[in-house]
Amino acid sequence: MKKGLKIIAVIAAWLLIWTIGRLFYYFNFITRIFPFLEGDEDYKYLFFCGWLILAGVIVVFFWRKKGLPFYFLNLKNKVWLFFYLIPLSQLIYWFYQNNSPFGLAGWLYGFLILITTMAQDLFTFGFLQTGLEKLTKPWLAALLVVITFYLGHFYFQASFLTLIFFVGFSGFAWLRAKYRSIYAINIIHLIFSLLPYQF
């Protein structure tokens, strides 16, 4: 298979995982199969997280089978662990305020936010960007990741706000290429994901 086709295949695999996850959450995919869950946001989010965990197990299985590297998970600089105290303090404050928008207990909903945010970073800037770096130059891999991640958000949430996301995604891809790990990205992503629940 030529490199061009391999690149398309890698991006298509990411889009498939992303789209199925979004179908669970945005288009009442679950309630069409299980009508008794109609109107229950809790179950939609739980199924969404369940899919991310299942997809993660599948991807790791094939990733290991192909002998691809996991260097993006290497914690070379332990200082990143210190910065995780910021989103942790946000979670503690949120639990204290008990501002969970759904009916789930605050601690459980916070855990689900952690899963979805970390999964996005792992799939996108971990597996996708690393996979593309094996097929093309690092700068082109980063650009393709930004475009793919942006499109993944745009076709489900088309708005002017998603244009701002493009700048953020570009920064994420640059951080991944510079540090060759996803920890800086994940910390920033967690902080911004938890911000709406601080007020």
C-alpha atoms as a PDB file:
ATOM      1  CA  MET A   1       0.000   0.000   0.000  1.00  0.00           C
ATOM      2  CA  LYS A   2       1.407   3.386  -0.960  1.00  0.00           C
ATOM      3  CA  LYS A   3       2.083   5.961   1.747  1.00  0.00           C
ATOM      4  CA  GLY A   4      -0.744   8.194   0.541  1.00  0.00           C
ATOM      5  CA  LEU A   5      -3.289   5.404   0.976  1.00  0.00           C
ATOM      6  CA  LYS A   6      -1.865   4.511   4.367  1.00  0.00           C
ATOM      7  CA  ILE A   7      -2.228   8.118   5.509  1.00  0.00           C
ATOM      8  CA  ILE A   8      -5.847   8.142   4.354  1.00  0.00           C
ATOM      9  CA  ALA A   9      -6.465   4.834   6.136  1.00  0.00           C
ATOM     10  CA  VAL A  10      -5.004   6.130   9.431  1.00  0.00           C
ATOM     11  CA  ILE A  11      -7.098   9.314   9.295  1.00  0.00           C
ATOM     12  CA  ALA A  12     -10.212   7.327   8.309  1.00  0.00           C
ATOM     13  CA  ALA A  13      -9.724   5.017  11.316  1.00  0.00           C
ATOM     14  CA  TRP A  14      -9.555   8.032  13.642  1.00  0.00           C
ATOM     15  CA  LEU A  15     -12.662   9.590  12.058  1.00  0.00           C
ATOM     16  CA  LEU A  16     -14.557   6.307  12.428  1.00  0.00           C
ATOM     17  CA  ILE A  17     -13.785   6.084  16.156  1.00  0.00           C
ATOM     18  CA  TRP A  18     -14.638   9.768  16.620  1.00  0.00           C
ATOM     19  CA  THR A  19     -17.889   9.577  14.638  1.00  0.00           C
ATOM     20  CA  ILE A  20     -19.205   6.522  16.462  1.00  0.00           C
ATOM     21  CA  GLY A  21     -18.487   8.224  19.778  1.00  0.00           C
ATOM     22  CA  ARG A  22     -20.303  11.368  18.693  1.00  0.00           C
ATOM     23  CA  LEU A  23     -23.269   9.336  17.470  1.00  0.00           C
ATOM     24  CA  PHE A  24     -23.635   7.989  20.995  1.00  0.00           C
ATOM     25  CA  TYR A  25     -23.769  11.458  22.456  1.00  0.00           C
ATOM     26  CA  TYR A  26     -25.172  13.942  19.960  1.00  0.00           C
ATOM     27  CA  PHE A  27     -27.674  12.051  17.830  1.00  0.00           C
ATOM     28  CA  ASN A  28     -29.574   9.931  20.368  1.00  0.00           C
ATOM     29  CA  PHE A  29     -28.090   6.822  18.801  1.00  0.00           C
ATOM     30  CA  ILE A  30     -28.520   4.884  22.043  1.00  0.00           C
ATOM     31  CA  THR A  31     -32.120   5.963  22.646  1.00  0.00           C
ATOM     32  CA  ARG A  32     -33.106   4.704  19.209  1.00  0.00           C
ATOM     33  CA  ILE A  33     -31.868   1.250  20.215  1.00  0.00           C
ATOM     34  CA  PHE A  34     -33.104   1.527  23.815  1.00  0.00           C
ATOM     35  CA  PRO A  35     -36.171   3.834  23.786  1.00  0.00           C
ATOM     36  CA  PHE A  36     -36.590   3.589  27.577  1.00  0.00           C
ATOM     37  CA  LEU A  37     -33.429   5.731  27.947  1.00  0.00           C
ATOM     38  CA  GLU A  38     -35.072   8.657  26.123  1.00  0.00           C
ATOM     39  CA  GLY A  39     -34.190  11.948  27.749  1.00  0.00           C
ATOM     40  CA  ASP A  40     -31.617  10.477  30.124  1.00  0.00           C
ATOM     41  CA  GLU A  41     -28.364  12.343  29.514  1.00  0.00           C
ATOM     42  CA  ASP A  42     -26.516  10.234  32.082  1.00  0.00           C
ATOM     43  CA  TYR A  43     -26.744   7.027  30.077  1.00  0.00           C
ATOM     44  CA  LYS A  44     -25.728   8.706  26.820  1.00  0.00           C
ATOM     45  CA  TYR A  45     -22.549   9.970  28.432  1.00  0.00           C
ATOM     46  CA  LEU A  46     -21.830   6.609  30.058  1.00  0.00           C
ATOM     47  CA  PHE A  47     -22.219   4.784  26.713  1.00  0.00           C
ATOM     48  CA  PHE A  48     -19.993   7.398  25.081  1.00  0.00           C
ATOM     49  CA  CYS A  49     -17.246   6.798  27.664  1.00  0.00           C
ATOM     50  CA  GLY A  50     -17.730   3.052  27.387  1.00  0.00           C
ATOM     51  CA  TRP A  51     -17.149   3.256  23.644  1.00  0.00           C
ATOM     52  CA  LEU A  52     -13.949   5.276  24.146  1.00  0.00           C
ATOM     53  CA  ILE A  53     -12.582   2.662  26.544  1.00  0.00           C
ATOM     54  CA  LEU A  54     -13.480  -0.194  24.171  1.00  0.00           C
ATOM     55  CA  ALA A  55     -11.972   1.635  21.181  1.00  0.00           C
ATOM     56  CA  GLY A  56      -8.843   2.317  23.217  1.00  0.00           C
ATOM     57  CA  VAL A  57      -8.395  -1.377  24.000  1.00  0.00           C
ATOM     58  CA  ILE A  58      -8.828  -2.274  20.320  1.00  0.00           C
ATOM     59  CA  VAL A  59      -6.362   0.378  19.131  1.00  0.00           C
ATOM     60  CA  VAL A  60      -3.727  -0.615  21.713  1.00  0.00           C
ATOM     61  CA  PHE A  61      -4.087  -4.266  20.663  1.00  0.00           C
ATOM     62  CA  PHE A  62      -3.420  -3.517  16.972  1.00  0.00           C
ATOM     63  CA  TRP A  63      -0.778  -0.895  17.827  1.00  0.00           C
ATOM     64  CA  ARG A  64       1.211  -3.436  19.830  1.00  0.00           C
ATOM     65  CA  LYS A  65       0.671  -6.103  17.184  1.00  0.00           C
ATOM     66  CA  LYS A  66       2.314  -3.847  14.588  1.00  0.00           C
ATOM     67  CA  GLY A  67       5.152  -3.047  16.979  1.00  0.00           C
ATOM     68  CA  LEU A  68       4.528   0.700  16.882  1.00  0.00           C
ATOM     69  CA  PRO A  69       6.108   2.914  19.593  1.00  0.00           C
ATOM     70  CA  PHE A  70       4.424   4.332  22.688  1.00  0.00           C
ATOM     71  CA  TYR A  71       7.017   7.077  23.244  1.00  0.00           C
ATOM     72  CA  PHE A  72       4.254   9.686  23.447  1.00  0.00           C
ATOM     73  CA  LEU A  73       3.375   8.177  26.849  1.00  0.00           C
ATOM     74  CA  ASN A  74       6.932   8.442  28.202  1.00  0.00           C
ATOM     75  CA  LEU A  75       7.119  10.818  31.154  1.00  0.00           C
ATOM     76  CA  LYS A  76      10.668  12.102  30.688  1.00  0.00           C
ATOM     77  CA  ASN A  77      10.068  15.289  32.674  1.00  0.00           C
ATOM     78  CA  LYS A  78       8.380  14.565  36.001  1.00  0.00           C
ATOM     79  CA  VAL A  79       7.461  18.257  36.368  1.00  0.00           C
ATOM     80  CA  TRP A  80       4.326  17.549  34.293  1.00  0.00           C
ATOM     81  CA  LEU A  81       2.959  15.606  37.247  1.00  0.00           C
ATOM     82  CA  PHE A  82       3.096  18.806  39.300  1.00  0.00           C
ATOM     83  CA  PHE A  83       0.987  20.668  36.729  1.00  0.00           C
ATOM     84  CA  TYR A  84      -1.732  18.015  37.024  1.00  0.00           C
ATOM     85  CA  LEU A  85      -2.479  19.619  40.391  1.00  0.00           C
ATOM     86  CA  ILE A  86      -4.227  22.434  38.515  1.00  0.00           C
ATOM     87  CA  PRO A  87      -7.036  20.337  36.948  1.00  0.00           C
ATOM     88  CA  LEU A  88      -7.130  18.287  40.158  1.00  0.00           C
ATOM     89  CA  SER A  89      -7.825  21.437  42.173  1.00  0.00           C
ATOM     90  CA  GLN A  90     -10.518  22.363  39.644  1.00  0.00           C
ATOM     91  CA  LEU A  91     -12.191  18.996  40.190  1.00  0.00           C
ATOM     92  CA  ILE A  92     -12.018  19.348  43.973  1.00  0.00           C
ATOM     93  CA  TYR A  93     -13.541  22.821  43.769  1.00  0.00           C
ATOM     94  CA  TRP A  94     -16.265  21.534  41.460  1.00  0.00           C
ATOM     95  CA  PHE A  95     -17.082  18.664  43.795  1.00  0.00           C
ATOM     96  CA  TYR A  96     -17.267  21.144  46.669  1.00  0.00           C
ATOM     97  CA  GLN A  97     -19.673  23.340  44.717  1.00  0.00           C
ATOM     98  CA  ASN A  98     -21.596  20.278  43.423  1.00  0.00           C
ATOM     99  CA  ASN A  99     -22.290  21.882  40.058  1.00  0.00           C
ATOM    100  CA  SER A 100     -22.797  18.668  38.089  1.00  0.00           C
ATOM    101  CA  PRO A 101     -25.131  19.501  35.135  1.00  0.00           C
ATOM    102  CA  PHE A 102     -26.430  15.917  34.936  1.00  0.00           C
ATOM    103  CA  GLY A 103     -28.020  13.641  37.485  1.00  0.00           C
ATOM    104  CA  LEU A 104     -24.823  11.651  38.056  1.00  0.00           C
ATOM    105  CA  ALA A 105     -22.951  12.202  41.288  1.00  0.00           C
ATOM    106  CA  GLY A 106     -20.344  14.937  40.874  1.00  0.00           C
ATOM    107  CA  TRP A 107     -17.353  12.642  41.407  1.00  0.00           C
ATOM    108  CA  LEU A 108     -18.565  10.197  38.757  1.00  0.00           C
ATOM    109  CA  TYR A 109     -19.280  12.910  36.198  1.00  0.00           C
ATOM    110  CA  GLY A 110     -15.849  14.401  36.868  1.00  0.00           C
ATOM    111  CA  PHE A 111     -14.313  10.983  36.237  1.00  0.00           C
ATOM    112  CA  LEU A 112     -16.169  10.745  32.922  1.00  0.00           C
ATOM    113  CA  ILE A 113     -14.814  14.161  31.889  1.00  0.00           C
ATOM    114  CA  LEU A 114     -11.309  12.900  32.616  1.00  0.00           C
ATOM    115  CA  ILE A 115     -11.903   9.811  30.466  1.00  0.00           C
ATOM    116  CA  THR A 116     -13.246  11.724  27.465  1.00  0.00           C
ATOM    117  CA  THR A 117     -10.553  14.425  27.593  1.00  0.00           C
ATOM    118  CA  MET A 118      -7.690  11.991  28.006  1.00  0.00           C
ATOM    119  CA  ALA A 119      -9.123   9.732  25.296  1.00  0.00           C
ATOM    120  CA  GLN A 120      -9.234  12.617  22.807  1.00  0.00           C
ATOM    121  CA  ASP A 121      -5.597  13.458  23.498  1.00  0.00           C
ATOM    122  CA  LEU A 122      -4.501   9.816  23.397  1.00  0.00           C
ATOM    123  CA  PHE A 123      -6.298   8.990  20.143  1.00  0.00           C
ATOM    124  CA  THR A 124      -5.471  12.257  18.379  1.00  0.00           C
ATOM    125  CA  PHE A 125      -2.052  13.474  19.491  1.00  0.00           C
ATOM    126  CA  GLY A 126      -0.865  10.064  20.619  1.00  0.00           C
ATOM    127  CA  PHE A 127      -1.927   7.401  18.145  1.00  0.00           C
ATOM    128  CA  LEU A 128      -2.953   9.532  15.155  1.00  0.00           C
ATOM    129  CA  GLN A 129      -0.011  11.939  15.167  1.00  0.00           C
ATOM    130  CA  THR A 130       2.513   9.192  15.895  1.00  0.00           C
ATOM    131  CA  GLY A 131       1.029   6.976  13.186  1.00  0.00           C
ATOM    132  CA  LEU A 132       1.225   9.791  10.662  1.00  0.00           C
ATOM    133  CA  GLU A 133       4.804  10.635  11.669  1.00  0.00           C
ATOM    134  CA  LYS A 134       5.734   7.106  10.596  1.00  0.00           C
ATOM    135  CA  LEU A 135       4.384   7.868   7.133  1.00  0.00           C
ATOM    136  CA  THR A 136       5.363  11.478   6.492  1.00  0.00           C
ATOM    137  CA  LYS A 137       7.379  14.413   7.834  1.00  0.00           C
ATOM    138  CA  PRO A 138       6.622  15.563  11.411  1.00  0.00           C
ATOM    139  CA  TRP A 139       5.397  19.024  10.352  1.00  0.00           C
ATOM    140  CA  LEU A 140       3.012  17.520   7.779  1.00  0.00           C
ATOM    141  CA  ALA A 141       1.802  14.942  10.315  1.00  0.00           C
ATOM    142  CA  ALA A 142       1.059  17.774  12.762  1.00  0.00           C
ATOM    143  CA  LEU A 143      -0.808  19.737  10.082  1.00  0.00           C
ATOM    144  CA  LEU A 144      -2.908  16.705   9.098  1.00  0.00           C
ATOM    145  CA  VAL A 145      -3.753  16.089  12.754  1.00  0.00           C
ATOM    146  CA  VAL A 146      -4.901  19.689  13.230  1.00  0.00           C
ATOM    147  CA  ILE A 147      -7.107  19.553  10.128  1.00  0.00           C
ATOM    148  CA  THR A 148      -8.547  16.149  11.076  1.00  0.00           C
ATOM    149  CA  PHE A 149      -9.257  17.125  14.694  1.00  0.00           C
ATOM    150  CA  TYR A 150     -10.783  20.416  13.562  1.00  0.00           C
ATOM    151  CA  LEU A 151     -13.067  18.705  11.044  1.00  0.00           C
ATOM    152  CA  GLY A 152     -14.084  16.207  13.714  1.00  0.00           C
ATOM    153  CA  HIS A 153     -15.338  19.093  15.852  1.00  0.00           C
ATOM    154  CA  PHE A 154     -16.671  21.240  13.020  1.00  0.00           C
ATOM    155  CA  TYR A 155     -19.076  18.791  11.355  1.00  0.00           C
ATOM    156  CA  PHE A 156     -20.748  18.116  14.706  1.00  0.00           C
ATOM    157  CA  GLN A 157     -20.555  21.602  16.199  1.00  0.00           C
ATOM    158  CA  ALA A 158     -20.297  24.036  13.299  1.00  0.00           C
ATOM    159  CA  SER A 159     -19.910  27.566  14.659  1.00  0.00           C
ATOM    160  CA  PHE A 160     -17.524  30.498  14.735  1.00  0.00           C
ATOM    161  CA  LEU A 161     -16.174  29.122  18.020  1.00  0.00           C
ATOM    162  CA  THR A 162     -14.692  26.146  16.204  1.00  0.00           C
ATOM    163  CA  LEU A 163     -12.436  28.567  14.292  1.00  0.00           C
ATOM    164  CA  ILE A 164     -10.883  29.468  17.636  1.00  0.00           C
ATOM    165  CA  PHE A 165     -10.456  25.757  18.291  1.00  0.00           C
ATOM    166  CA  PHE A 166      -8.272  25.544  15.167  1.00  0.00           C
ATOM    167  CA  VAL A 167      -5.693  27.801  16.828  1.00  0.00           C
ATOM    168  CA  GLY A 168      -5.793  25.696  19.982  1.00  0.00           C
ATOM    169  CA  PHE A 169      -5.437  22.447  18.056  1.00  0.00           C
ATOM    170  CA  SER A 170      -2.440  23.887  16.204  1.00  0.00           C
ATOM    171  CA  GLY A 171      -0.832  24.622  19.568  1.00  0.00           C
ATOM    172  CA  PHE A 172      -1.554  21.080  20.744  1.00  0.00           C
ATOM    173  CA  ALA A 173       0.038  19.526  17.648  1.00  0.00           C
ATOM    174  CA  TRP A 174       3.089  21.771  18.066  1.00  0.00           C
ATOM    175  CA  LEU A 175       3.472  20.784  21.740  1.00  0.00           C
ATOM    176  CA  ARG A 176       3.215  17.107  20.800  1.00  0.00           C
ATOM    177  CA  ALA A 177       5.879  17.504  18.107  1.00  0.00           C
ATOM    178  CA  LYS A 178       8.169  19.511  20.420  1.00  0.00           C
ATOM    179  CA  TYR A 179       7.968  17.345  23.561  1.00  0.00           C
ATOM    180  CA  ARG A 180       7.095  14.036  21.832  1.00  0.00           C
ATOM    181  CA  SER A 181       4.558  13.318  24.564  1.00  0.00           C
ATOM    182  CA  ILE A 182       0.906  14.136  25.235  1.00  0.00           C
ATOM    183  CA  TYR A 183       1.191  15.319  28.854  1.00  0.00           C
ATOM    184  CA  ALA A 184       1.451  19.075  28.216  1.00  0.00           C
ATOM    185  CA  ILE A 185      -1.506  18.828  25.832  1.00  0.00           C
ATOM    186  CA  ASN A 186      -3.540  16.780  28.279  1.00  0.00           C
ATOM    187  CA  ILE A 187      -2.985  19.202  31.173  1.00  0.00           C
ATOM    188  CA  ILE A 188      -4.042  22.234  29.113  1.00  0.00           C
ATOM    189  CA  HIS A 189      -7.003  20.335  27.655  1.00  0.00           C
ATOM    190  CA  LEU A 190      -8.181  19.255  31.115  1.00  0.00           C
ATOM    191  CA  ILE A 191      -7.919  22.796  32.475  1.00  0.00           C
ATOM    192  CA  PHE A 192     -10.041  24.244  29.660  1.00  0.00           C
ATOM    193  CA  SER A 193     -12.524  21.347  29.764  1.00  0.00           C
ATOM    194  CA  LEU A 194     -13.157  21.967  33.468  1.00  0.00           C
ATOM    195  CA  LEU A 195     -13.333  25.763  33.258  1.00  0.00           C
ATOM    196  CA  PRO A 196     -17.098  25.935  32.441  1.00  0.00           C
ATOM    197  CA  TYR A 197     -17.849  24.117  35.718  1.00  0.00           C
ATOM    198  CA  GLN A 198     -15.966  26.600  37.885  1.00  0.00           C
ATOM    199  CA  PHE A 199     -18.597  29.315  37.667  1.00  0.00           C
END
